[in-house]
Amino acid sequence: MTELIFVVEEAPEGGFLARALGVSIFTEADTLVELPGKVRDAVRCHFEEGKAPKVVRLHHVREEVIAV
């Protein structure tokens, strides 16, 4: 695996949730600033040394409800 994609969403209780696609890795952070560090830590904990993907992408999903 050379690349890993995380879907990032706002948590209902505040902060942000990040979920990897195709791999069972989840993490959360209070701010978007601290999220990349949390994702890095989660990826490093999940994979053995030298087996982690070289690139991690954060795909931010924002849901918006509008009145019509």
N, C-alpha and C. Protein backbone atom coordinates (compact mmCIF):
# COMPACT_ATOMS: atom_id res chain seq x y z
N MET A 1 0.84 -1.18 0.00
CA MET A 1 0.00 0.00 0.00
C MET A 1 0.89 1.24 0.00
N THR A 2 0.69 2.10 -0.97
CA THR A 2 1.50 3.31 -1.05
C THR A 2 0.74 4.55 -0.59
N GLU A 3 -0.59 4.46 -0.53
CA GLU A 3 -1.39 5.63 -0.17
C GLU A 3 -2.57 5.19 0.70
N LEU A 4 -2.92 6.02 1.64
CA LEU A 4 -4.05 5.76 2.52
C LEU A 4 -4.90 7.01 2.57
N ILE A 5 -6.22 6.83 2.45
CA ILE A 5 -7.14 7.97 2.45
C ILE A 5 -7.99 7.92 3.72
N PHE A 6 -8.07 9.06 4.40
CA PHE A 6 -8.93 9.21 5.56
C PHE A 6 -10.08 10.14 5.20
N VAL A 7 -11.28 9.78 5.61
CA VAL A 7 -12.44 10.66 5.49
C VAL A 7 -12.54 11.41 6.81
N VAL A 8 -12.57 12.73 6.74
CA VAL A 8 -12.63 13.58 7.93
C VAL A 8 -13.99 14.25 7.99
N GLU A 9 -14.66 14.10 9.13
CA GLU A 9 -15.98 14.71 9.33
C GLU A 9 -16.01 15.40 10.69
N GLU A 10 -16.90 16.38 10.81
CA GLU A 10 -17.10 17.03 12.10
C GLU A 10 -17.83 16.06 13.01
N ALA A 11 -17.39 15.94 14.24
CA ALA A 11 -18.05 15.08 15.22
C ALA A 11 -19.28 15.81 15.77
N PRO A 12 -20.36 15.09 16.02
CA PRO A 12 -21.58 15.74 16.55
C PRO A 12 -21.34 16.47 17.87
N GLU A 13 -20.43 15.94 18.71
CA GLU A 13 -20.18 16.55 20.01
C GLU A 13 -19.07 17.61 19.95
N GLY A 14 -18.55 17.87 18.76
CA GLY A 14 -17.48 18.84 18.57
C GLY A 14 -16.19 18.14 18.21
N GLY A 15 -15.31 18.82 17.54
CA GLY A 15 -14.05 18.24 17.10
C GLY A 15 -14.23 17.53 15.76
N PHE A 16 -13.28 16.65 15.44
CA PHE A 16 -13.27 16.01 14.13
C PHE A 16 -12.93 14.53 14.25
N LEU A 17 -13.57 13.73 13.40
CA LEU A 17 -13.32 12.30 13.32
C LEU A 17 -12.64 12.00 12.00
N ALA A 18 -11.65 11.11 12.04
CA ALA A 18 -10.97 10.69 10.81
C ALA A 18 -11.03 9.17 10.74
N ARG A 19 -11.50 8.64 9.58
CA ARG A 19 -11.67 7.20 9.39
C ARG A 19 -10.98 6.79 8.10
N ALA A 20 -10.10 5.80 8.19
CA ALA A 20 -9.37 5.34 7.00
C ALA A 20 -10.28 4.48 6.14
N LEU A 21 -10.10 4.55 4.83
CA LEU A 21 -10.84 3.72 3.90
C LEU A 21 -10.06 2.43 3.66
N GLY A 22 -10.73 1.30 3.86
CA GLY A 22 -10.11 0.01 3.57
C GLY A 22 -9.23 -0.55 4.67
N VAL A 23 -9.02 0.21 5.72
CA VAL A 23 -8.19 -0.23 6.86
C VAL A 23 -8.90 0.22 8.13
N SER A 24 -8.85 -0.57 9.16
CA SER A 24 -9.56 -0.25 10.40
C SER A 24 -8.73 0.69 11.27
N ILE A 25 -8.68 1.96 10.87
CA ILE A 25 -7.97 2.99 11.64
C ILE A 25 -8.92 4.17 11.84
N PHE A 26 -9.10 4.56 13.09
CA PHE A 26 -9.95 5.69 13.44
C PHE A 26 -9.20 6.57 14.43
N THR A 27 -9.43 7.86 14.35
CA THR A 27 -8.87 8.77 15.35
C THR A 27 -9.74 10.01 15.40
N GLU A 28 -9.50 10.83 16.40
CA GLU A 28 -10.25 12.07 16.54
C GLU A 28 -9.35 13.15 17.10
N ALA A 29 -9.77 14.40 16.87
CA ALA A 29 -9.01 15.55 17.35
C ALA A 29 -9.98 16.68 17.66
N ASP A 30 -9.56 17.56 18.54
CA ASP A 30 -10.39 18.71 18.89
C ASP A 30 -10.38 19.77 17.80
N THR A 31 -9.25 19.90 17.08
CA THR A 31 -9.12 20.94 16.06
C THR A 31 -8.53 20.35 14.78
N LEU A 32 -8.71 21.06 13.69
CA LEU A 32 -8.11 20.65 12.42
C LEU A 32 -6.58 20.77 12.46
N VAL A 33 -6.08 21.65 13.29
CA VAL A 33 -4.63 21.84 13.40
C VAL A 33 -3.97 20.60 14.00
N GLU A 34 -4.59 20.00 15.00
CA GLU A 34 -3.98 18.83 15.63
C GLU A 34 -4.33 17.51 14.93
N LEU A 35 -5.28 17.52 14.00
CA LEU A 35 -5.71 16.29 13.34
C LEU A 35 -4.60 15.57 12.57
N PRO A 36 -3.78 16.24 11.76
CA PRO A 36 -2.72 15.51 11.03
C PRO A 36 -1.78 14.75 11.96
N GLY A 37 -1.44 15.31 13.09
CA GLY A 37 -0.58 14.62 14.05
C GLY A 37 -1.24 13.38 14.62
N LYS A 38 -2.53 13.48 14.91
CA LYS A 38 -3.28 12.34 15.43
C LYS A 38 -3.37 11.24 14.37
N VAL A 39 -3.58 11.63 13.11
CA VAL A 39 -3.64 10.65 12.03
C VAL A 39 -2.29 9.97 11.87
N ARG A 40 -1.21 10.74 11.88
CA ARG A 40 0.14 10.17 11.78
C ARG A 40 0.38 9.13 12.87
N ASP A 41 0.03 9.49 14.11
CA ASP A 41 0.21 8.58 15.23
C ASP A 41 -0.60 7.30 15.05
N ALA A 42 -1.84 7.43 14.60
CA ALA A 42 -2.70 6.26 14.40
C ALA A 42 -2.15 5.35 13.32
N VAL A 43 -1.65 5.93 12.23
CA VAL A 43 -1.09 5.14 11.14
C VAL A 43 0.17 4.42 11.61
N ARG A 44 1.03 5.11 12.33
CA ARG A 44 2.27 4.49 12.83
C ARG A 44 1.97 3.36 13.81
N CYS A 45 0.92 3.49 14.61
CA CYS A 45 0.56 2.44 15.56
C CYS A 45 -0.03 1.22 14.85
N HIS A 46 -0.72 1.45 13.74
CA HIS A 46 -1.40 0.36 13.04
C HIS A 46 -0.45 -0.53 12.23
N PHE A 47 0.51 0.09 11.57
CA PHE A 47 1.41 -0.64 10.68
C PHE A 47 2.74 -0.95 11.37
N GLU A 48 3.35 -2.06 10.98
CA GLU A 48 4.69 -2.37 11.45
C GLU A 48 5.67 -1.38 10.82
N GLU A 49 6.82 -1.24 11.44
CA GLU A 49 7.84 -0.32 10.92
C GLU A 49 8.21 -0.68 9.49
N GLY A 50 8.20 0.31 8.62
CA GLY A 50 8.54 0.12 7.21
C GLY A 50 7.38 -0.35 6.35
N LYS A 51 6.20 -0.62 6.93
CA LYS A 51 5.04 -1.12 6.18
C LYS A 51 3.96 -0.05 5.97
N ALA A 52 4.11 1.09 6.62
CA ALA A 52 3.10 2.15 6.51
C ALA A 52 3.14 2.78 5.13
N PRO A 53 1.99 3.27 4.65
CA PRO A 53 1.97 3.95 3.35
C PRO A 53 2.82 5.22 3.40
N LYS A 54 3.34 5.60 2.26
CA LYS A 54 4.18 6.80 2.17
C LYS A 54 3.35 8.08 2.16
N VAL A 55 2.11 7.97 1.66
CA VAL A 55 1.24 9.16 1.52
C VAL A 55 -0.08 8.88 2.25
N VAL A 56 -0.51 9.86 3.03
CA VAL A 56 -1.82 9.81 3.67
C VAL A 56 -2.59 11.05 3.23
N ARG A 57 -3.77 10.83 2.69
CA ARG A 57 -4.62 11.95 2.25
C ARG A 57 -5.78 12.12 3.22
N LEU A 58 -6.09 13.36 3.54
CA LEU A 58 -7.24 13.67 4.38
C LEU A 58 -8.32 14.27 3.49
N HIS A 59 -9.41 13.55 3.35
CA HIS A 59 -10.53 14.00 2.51
C HIS A 59 -11.60 14.57 3.45
N HIS A 60 -11.75 15.89 3.44
CA HIS A 60 -12.69 16.57 4.33
C HIS A 60 -14.08 16.57 3.73
N VAL A 61 -15.03 16.04 4.52
CA VAL A 61 -16.43 15.98 4.09
C VAL A 61 -17.23 16.90 5.00
N ARG A 62 -17.96 17.78 4.38
CA ARG A 62 -18.76 18.72 5.17
C ARG A 62 -20.21 18.62 4.73
N GLU A 63 -21.07 18.32 5.66
CA GLU A 63 -22.49 18.23 5.35
C GLU A 63 -23.14 19.55 5.71
N GLU A 64 -23.97 20.03 4.80
CA GLU A 64 -24.64 21.30 5.02
C GLU A 64 -26.10 21.13 4.67
N VAL A 65 -26.97 21.58 5.54
CA VAL A 65 -28.40 21.51 5.31
C VAL A 65 -28.88 22.91 5.02
N ILE A 66 -29.66 23.03 3.95
CA ILE A 66 -30.21 24.36 3.61
C ILE A 66 -31.72 24.25 3.48
N ALA A 67 -32.38 25.31 3.78
CA ALA A 67 -33.84 25.36 3.63
C ALA A 67 -34.16 25.78 2.19
N VAL A 68 -35.20 25.19 1.65
CA VAL A 68 -35.62 25.56 0.27
C VAL A 68 -37.02 26.08 0.27
